[in-house]
Amino acid sequence: MSKVLVSYFSASGVTRGVAQRIATAIDGDIFEIEPVEKYTDEDLNWMSKQSRSSIEMNESIKPDIASKVSNLDEYDTICLGFPIWWYKEPTIIDKFLEENDMTGKNIYVFVTSGSSSIDSTYESLNNNFPDLNFVSGKRFNGKETEEDYKNWVR
């Protein structure tokens, strides 16, 4: 297996847990995509049209990322994880993909969601980044086994 980077954004910690289990299962390195300005509970209130996350998603505002992957060229495979927001990827993921050259890399997308399917998210990524190689996408619920994670990336 090629060298793998598990890169993820987690607003509440759920995606972080899945990312850590994937990294352990496949012996991958891990990188957290963190916004410069951390999200508060109020920021994440999707029921409020005035919450930060609602405004970012409705107006396509892409928050600044706190740090960069310094050695991205070492990886052939990227596992990219995030929670589904408004049936697609959070805008910080778009910013991450714009700021990092993923050309020629195999990108496996993993998402967390209480009820949303990955289908519209995967479609959004393919439409927004048609030159990238999104190999596979999967929604996880945190109840998977180590073997489930290995099989997905294989």
C-alpha atoms as a PDB file:
ATOM      1  CA  MET A   1       0.000   0.000   0.000  1.00  0.00           C
ATOM      2  CA  SER A   2       1.252   3.502  -0.774  1.00  0.00           C
ATOM      3  CA  LYS A   3       1.907   6.106   1.896  1.00  0.00           C
ATOM      4  CA  VAL A   4      -1.459   7.394   3.158  1.00  0.00           C
ATOM      5  CA  LEU A   5      -2.454  10.671   4.766  1.00  0.00           C
ATOM      6  CA  VAL A   6      -5.711  10.771   6.705  1.00  0.00           C
ATOM      7  CA  SER A   7      -6.728  14.426   6.629  1.00  0.00           C
ATOM      8  CA  TYR A   8      -9.915  15.535   8.308  1.00  0.00           C
ATOM      9  CA  PHE A   9     -12.025  18.410   9.565  1.00  0.00           C
ATOM     10  CA  SER A  10     -14.066  17.813  12.701  1.00  0.00           C
ATOM     11  CA  ALA A  11     -16.250  20.481  14.258  1.00  0.00           C
ATOM     12  CA  SER A  12     -17.610  18.433  17.153  1.00  0.00           C
ATOM     13  CA  GLY A  13     -15.156  15.536  17.468  1.00  0.00           C
ATOM     14  CA  VAL A  14     -17.178  12.807  15.735  1.00  0.00           C
ATOM     15  CA  THR A  15     -15.175  12.890  12.500  1.00  0.00           C
ATOM     16  CA  ARG A  16     -11.927  13.085  14.506  1.00  0.00           C
ATOM     17  CA  GLY A  17     -12.740   9.739  16.125  1.00  0.00           C
ATOM     18  CA  VAL A  18     -13.430   8.076  12.782  1.00  0.00           C
ATOM     19  CA  ALA A  19     -10.254   9.605  11.279  1.00  0.00           C
ATOM     20  CA  GLN A  20      -8.141   8.280  14.142  1.00  0.00           C
ATOM     21  CA  ARG A  21      -9.594   4.782  13.744  1.00  0.00           C
ATOM     22  CA  ILE A  22      -8.962   4.860   9.979  1.00  0.00           C
ATOM     23  CA  ALA A  23      -5.372   6.071  10.449  1.00  0.00           C
ATOM     24  CA  THR A  24      -4.708   3.304  12.967  1.00  0.00           C
ATOM     25  CA  ALA A  25      -6.323   0.610  10.825  1.00  0.00           C
ATOM     26  CA  ILE A  26      -4.362   1.486   7.687  1.00  0.00           C
ATOM     27  CA  ASP A  27      -1.174   2.727   9.368  1.00  0.00           C
ATOM     28  CA  GLY A  28      -1.618   6.194   7.875  1.00  0.00           C
ATOM     29  CA  ASP A  29      -0.358   9.565   8.985  1.00  0.00           C
ATOM     30  CA  ILE A  30      -2.930  12.049  10.265  1.00  0.00           C
ATOM     31  CA  PHE A  31      -3.509  15.765   9.705  1.00  0.00           C
ATOM     32  CA  GLU A  32      -6.345  17.822  11.178  1.00  0.00           C
ATOM     33  CA  ILE A  33      -7.772  20.618   9.044  1.00  0.00           C
ATOM     34  CA  GLU A  34      -8.383  23.274  11.678  1.00  0.00           C
ATOM     35  CA  PRO A  35      -9.908  26.698  11.104  1.00  0.00           C
ATOM     36  CA  VAL A  36      -7.947  29.676  12.411  1.00  0.00           C
ATOM     37  CA  GLU A  37     -11.083  30.693  14.285  1.00  0.00           C
ATOM     38  CA  LYS A  38     -12.471  27.662  16.119  1.00  0.00           C
ATOM     39  CA  TYR A  39     -16.191  26.933  15.950  1.00  0.00           C
ATOM     40  CA  THR A  40     -18.335  27.456  19.038  1.00  0.00           C
ATOM     41  CA  ASP A  41     -21.614  25.659  19.725  1.00  0.00           C
ATOM     42  CA  GLU A  42     -23.437  28.806  18.567  1.00  0.00           C
ATOM     43  CA  ASP A  43     -21.410  28.790  15.328  1.00  0.00           C
ATOM     44  CA  LEU A  44     -22.570  25.241  14.631  1.00  0.00           C
ATOM     45  CA  ASN A  45     -26.287  25.852  15.241  1.00  0.00           C
ATOM     46  CA  TRP A  46     -27.590  24.833  11.820  1.00  0.00           C
ATOM     47  CA  MET A  47     -31.110  25.860  12.831  1.00  0.00           C
ATOM     48  CA  SER A  48     -30.052  29.516  13.051  1.00  0.00           C
ATOM     49  CA  LYS A  49     -29.652  31.351   9.756  1.00  0.00           C
ATOM     50  CA  GLN A  50     -27.328  33.737  11.608  1.00  0.00           C
ATOM     51  CA  SER A  51     -24.905  31.065  12.827  1.00  0.00           C
ATOM     52  CA  ARG A  52     -21.402  31.117  11.401  1.00  0.00           C
ATOM     53  CA  SER A  53     -21.765  27.718   9.735  1.00  0.00           C
ATOM     54  CA  SER A  54     -25.066  28.718   8.107  1.00  0.00           C
ATOM     55  CA  ILE A  55     -23.596  31.936   6.751  1.00  0.00           C
ATOM     56  CA  GLU A  56     -20.448  30.185   5.478  1.00  0.00           C
ATOM     57  CA  MET A  57     -22.457  27.542   3.661  1.00  0.00           C
ATOM     58  CA  ASN A  58     -25.079  29.923   2.242  1.00  0.00           C
ATOM     59  CA  GLU A  59     -22.531  32.490   1.070  1.00  0.00           C
ATOM     60  CA  SER A  60     -19.695  30.074   0.178  1.00  0.00           C
ATOM     61  CA  ILE A  61     -17.343  31.727   2.662  1.00  0.00           C
ATOM     62  CA  LYS A  62     -14.215  29.629   3.117  1.00  0.00           C
ATOM     63  CA  PRO A  63     -12.585  29.996   6.538  1.00  0.00           C
ATOM     64  CA  ASP A  64      -8.812  30.286   6.803  1.00  0.00           C
ATOM     65  CA  ILE A  65      -6.966  27.127   7.793  1.00  0.00           C
ATOM     66  CA  ALA A  66      -4.578  27.253  10.763  1.00  0.00           C
ATOM     67  CA  SER A  67      -1.751  25.158   9.271  1.00  0.00           C
ATOM     68  CA  LYS A  68      -0.695  23.465   6.068  1.00  0.00           C
ATOM     69  CA  VAL A  69       0.408  19.951   5.205  1.00  0.00           C
ATOM     70  CA  SER A  70       4.144  20.490   4.784  1.00  0.00           C
ATOM     71  CA  ASN A  71       4.966  17.194   3.075  1.00  0.00           C
ATOM     72  CA  LEU A  72       1.949  16.466   0.873  1.00  0.00           C
ATOM     73  CA  ASP A  73       4.165  15.339  -2.003  1.00  0.00           C
ATOM     74  CA  GLU A  74       5.129  12.256   0.056  1.00  0.00           C
ATOM     75  CA  TYR A  75       1.605  10.831  -0.133  1.00  0.00           C
ATOM     76  CA  ASP A  76       0.001   8.940  -2.999  1.00  0.00           C
ATOM     77  CA  THR A  77      -3.270   8.411  -1.198  1.00  0.00           C
ATOM     78  CA  ILE A  78      -5.367  10.861   0.803  1.00  0.00           C
ATOM     79  CA  CYS A  79      -8.287   9.876   3.011  1.00  0.00           C
ATOM     80  CA  LEU A  80     -10.286  13.080   3.364  1.00  0.00           C
ATOM     81  CA  GLY A  81     -12.893  13.234   6.107  1.00  0.00           C
ATOM     82  CA  PHE A  82     -15.488  15.712   7.288  1.00  0.00           C
ATOM     83  CA  PRO A  83     -19.050  16.025   8.559  1.00  0.00           C
ATOM     84  CA  ILE A  84     -21.747  16.637   5.967  1.00  0.00           C
ATOM     85  CA  TRP A  85     -23.129  20.188   6.179  1.00  0.00           C
ATOM     86  CA  TRP A  86     -26.192  21.100   4.135  1.00  0.00           C
ATOM     87  CA  TYR A  87     -25.826  17.876   2.099  1.00  0.00           C
ATOM     88  CA  LYS A  88     -22.249  18.638   1.027  1.00  0.00           C
ATOM     89  CA  GLU A  89     -18.741  19.308   2.232  1.00  0.00           C
ATOM     90  CA  PRO A  90     -18.096  22.226   4.590  1.00  0.00           C
ATOM     91  CA  THR A  91     -16.487  25.158   2.778  1.00  0.00           C
ATOM     92  CA  ILE A  92     -13.253  24.658   4.755  1.00  0.00           C
ATOM     93  CA  ILE A  93     -12.803  21.430   2.761  1.00  0.00           C
ATOM     94  CA  ASP A  94     -13.055  23.380  -0.505  1.00  0.00           C
ATOM     95  CA  LYS A  95     -10.405  25.768   0.838  1.00  0.00           C
ATOM     96  CA  PHE A  96      -8.168  22.834   1.799  1.00  0.00           C
ATOM     97  CA  LEU A  97      -8.456  21.317  -1.677  1.00  0.00           C
ATOM     98  CA  GLU A  98      -7.792  24.683  -3.329  1.00  0.00           C
ATOM     99  CA  GLU A  99      -4.681  25.325  -1.212  1.00  0.00           C
ATOM    100  CA  ASN A 100      -3.117  21.867  -1.641  1.00  0.00           C
ATOM    101  CA  ASP A 101      -2.134  20.295  -4.947  1.00  0.00           C
ATOM    102  CA  MET A 102      -3.847  16.912  -4.965  1.00  0.00           C
ATOM    103  CA  THR A 103      -3.245  16.279  -8.665  1.00  0.00           C
ATOM    104  CA  GLY A 104      -2.429  12.634  -9.311  1.00  0.00           C
ATOM    105  CA  LYS A 105      -3.370  11.496  -5.816  1.00  0.00           C
ATOM    106  CA  ASN A 106      -6.059   8.964  -5.011  1.00  0.00           C
ATOM    107  CA  ILE A 107      -8.571  10.635  -2.708  1.00  0.00           C
ATOM    108  CA  TYR A 108     -10.881   8.539  -0.569  1.00  0.00           C
ATOM    109  CA  VAL A 109     -13.649  10.604   0.987  1.00  0.00           C
ATOM    110  CA  PHE A 110     -15.164   9.617   4.307  1.00  0.00           C
ATOM    111  CA  VAL A 111     -17.976  11.517   5.939  1.00  0.00           C
ATOM    112  CA  THR A 112     -19.938  11.505   9.147  1.00  0.00           C
ATOM    113  CA  SER A 113     -23.599  12.379   9.366  1.00  0.00           C
ATOM    114  CA  GLY A 114     -26.586  11.558  11.485  1.00  0.00           C
ATOM    115  CA  SER A 115     -28.797  10.981   8.470  1.00  0.00           C
ATOM    116  CA  SER A 116     -27.469  12.500   5.223  1.00  0.00           C
ATOM    117  CA  SER A 117     -26.261  10.290   2.413  1.00  0.00           C
ATOM    118  CA  ILE A 118     -22.826  10.842   0.920  1.00  0.00           C
ATOM    119  CA  ASP A 119     -24.256  10.974  -2.620  1.00  0.00           C
ATOM    120  CA  SER A 120     -24.803  14.735  -2.980  1.00  0.00           C
ATOM    121  CA  THR A 121     -21.546  15.435  -1.141  1.00  0.00           C
ATOM    122  CA  TYR A 122     -19.568  13.205  -3.470  1.00  0.00           C
ATOM    123  CA  GLU A 123     -21.280  14.828  -6.459  1.00  0.00           C
ATOM    124  CA  SER A 124     -20.427  18.309  -5.136  1.00  0.00           C
ATOM    125  CA  LEU A 125     -16.749  17.404  -4.763  1.00  0.00           C
ATOM    126  CA  ASN A 126     -16.582  15.942  -8.254  1.00  0.00           C
ATOM    127  CA  ASN A 127     -18.300  19.012  -9.732  1.00  0.00           C
ATOM    128  CA  ASN A 128     -16.139  21.516  -7.823  1.00  0.00           C
ATOM    129  CA  PHE A 129     -12.865  19.663  -8.396  1.00  0.00           C
ATOM    130  CA  PRO A 130     -13.229  17.742 -11.687  1.00  0.00           C
ATOM    131  CA  ASP A 131      -9.450  17.337 -12.113  1.00  0.00           C
ATOM    132  CA  LEU A 132      -9.034  15.439  -8.848  1.00  0.00           C
ATOM    133  CA  ASN A 133      -9.267  11.667  -8.532  1.00  0.00           C
ATOM    134  CA  PHE A 134     -11.965  10.898  -5.992  1.00  0.00           C
ATOM    135  CA  VAL A 135     -11.712   7.105  -5.870  1.00  0.00           C
ATOM    136  CA  SER A 136     -14.342   6.219  -3.336  1.00  0.00           C
ATOM    137  CA  GLY A 137     -16.650   7.756  -0.778  1.00  0.00           C
ATOM    138  CA  LYS A 138     -18.210   6.280   2.333  1.00  0.00           C
ATOM    139  CA  ARG A 139     -20.358   7.428   5.198  1.00  0.00           C
ATOM    140  CA  PHE A 140     -19.286   6.097   8.581  1.00  0.00           C
ATOM    141  CA  ASN A 141     -21.268   5.998  11.784  1.00  0.00           C
ATOM    142  CA  GLY A 142     -18.431   5.184  14.193  1.00  0.00           C
ATOM    143  CA  LYS A 143     -19.542   1.590  14.776  1.00  0.00           C
ATOM    144  CA  GLU A 144     -17.259   0.049  12.154  1.00  0.00           C
ATOM    145  CA  THR A 145     -14.501  -2.434  12.902  1.00  0.00           C
ATOM    146  CA  GLU A 146     -10.820  -2.011  12.073  1.00  0.00           C
ATOM    147  CA  GLU A 147     -11.337  -4.487   9.228  1.00  0.00           C
ATOM    148  CA  ASP A 148     -14.175  -2.328   7.813  1.00  0.00           C
ATOM    149  CA  TYR A 149     -11.775   0.613   7.514  1.00  0.00           C
ATOM    150  CA  LYS A 150      -9.020  -1.492   5.929  1.00  0.00           C
ATOM    151  CA  ASN A 151     -11.416  -3.017   3.408  1.00  0.00           C
ATOM    152  CA  TRP A 152     -12.758   0.387   2.399  1.00  0.00           C
ATOM    153  CA  VAL A 153      -9.327   1.765   1.496  1.00  0.00           C
ATOM    154  CA  ARG A 154      -8.182  -1.486  -0.138  1.00  0.00           C
END
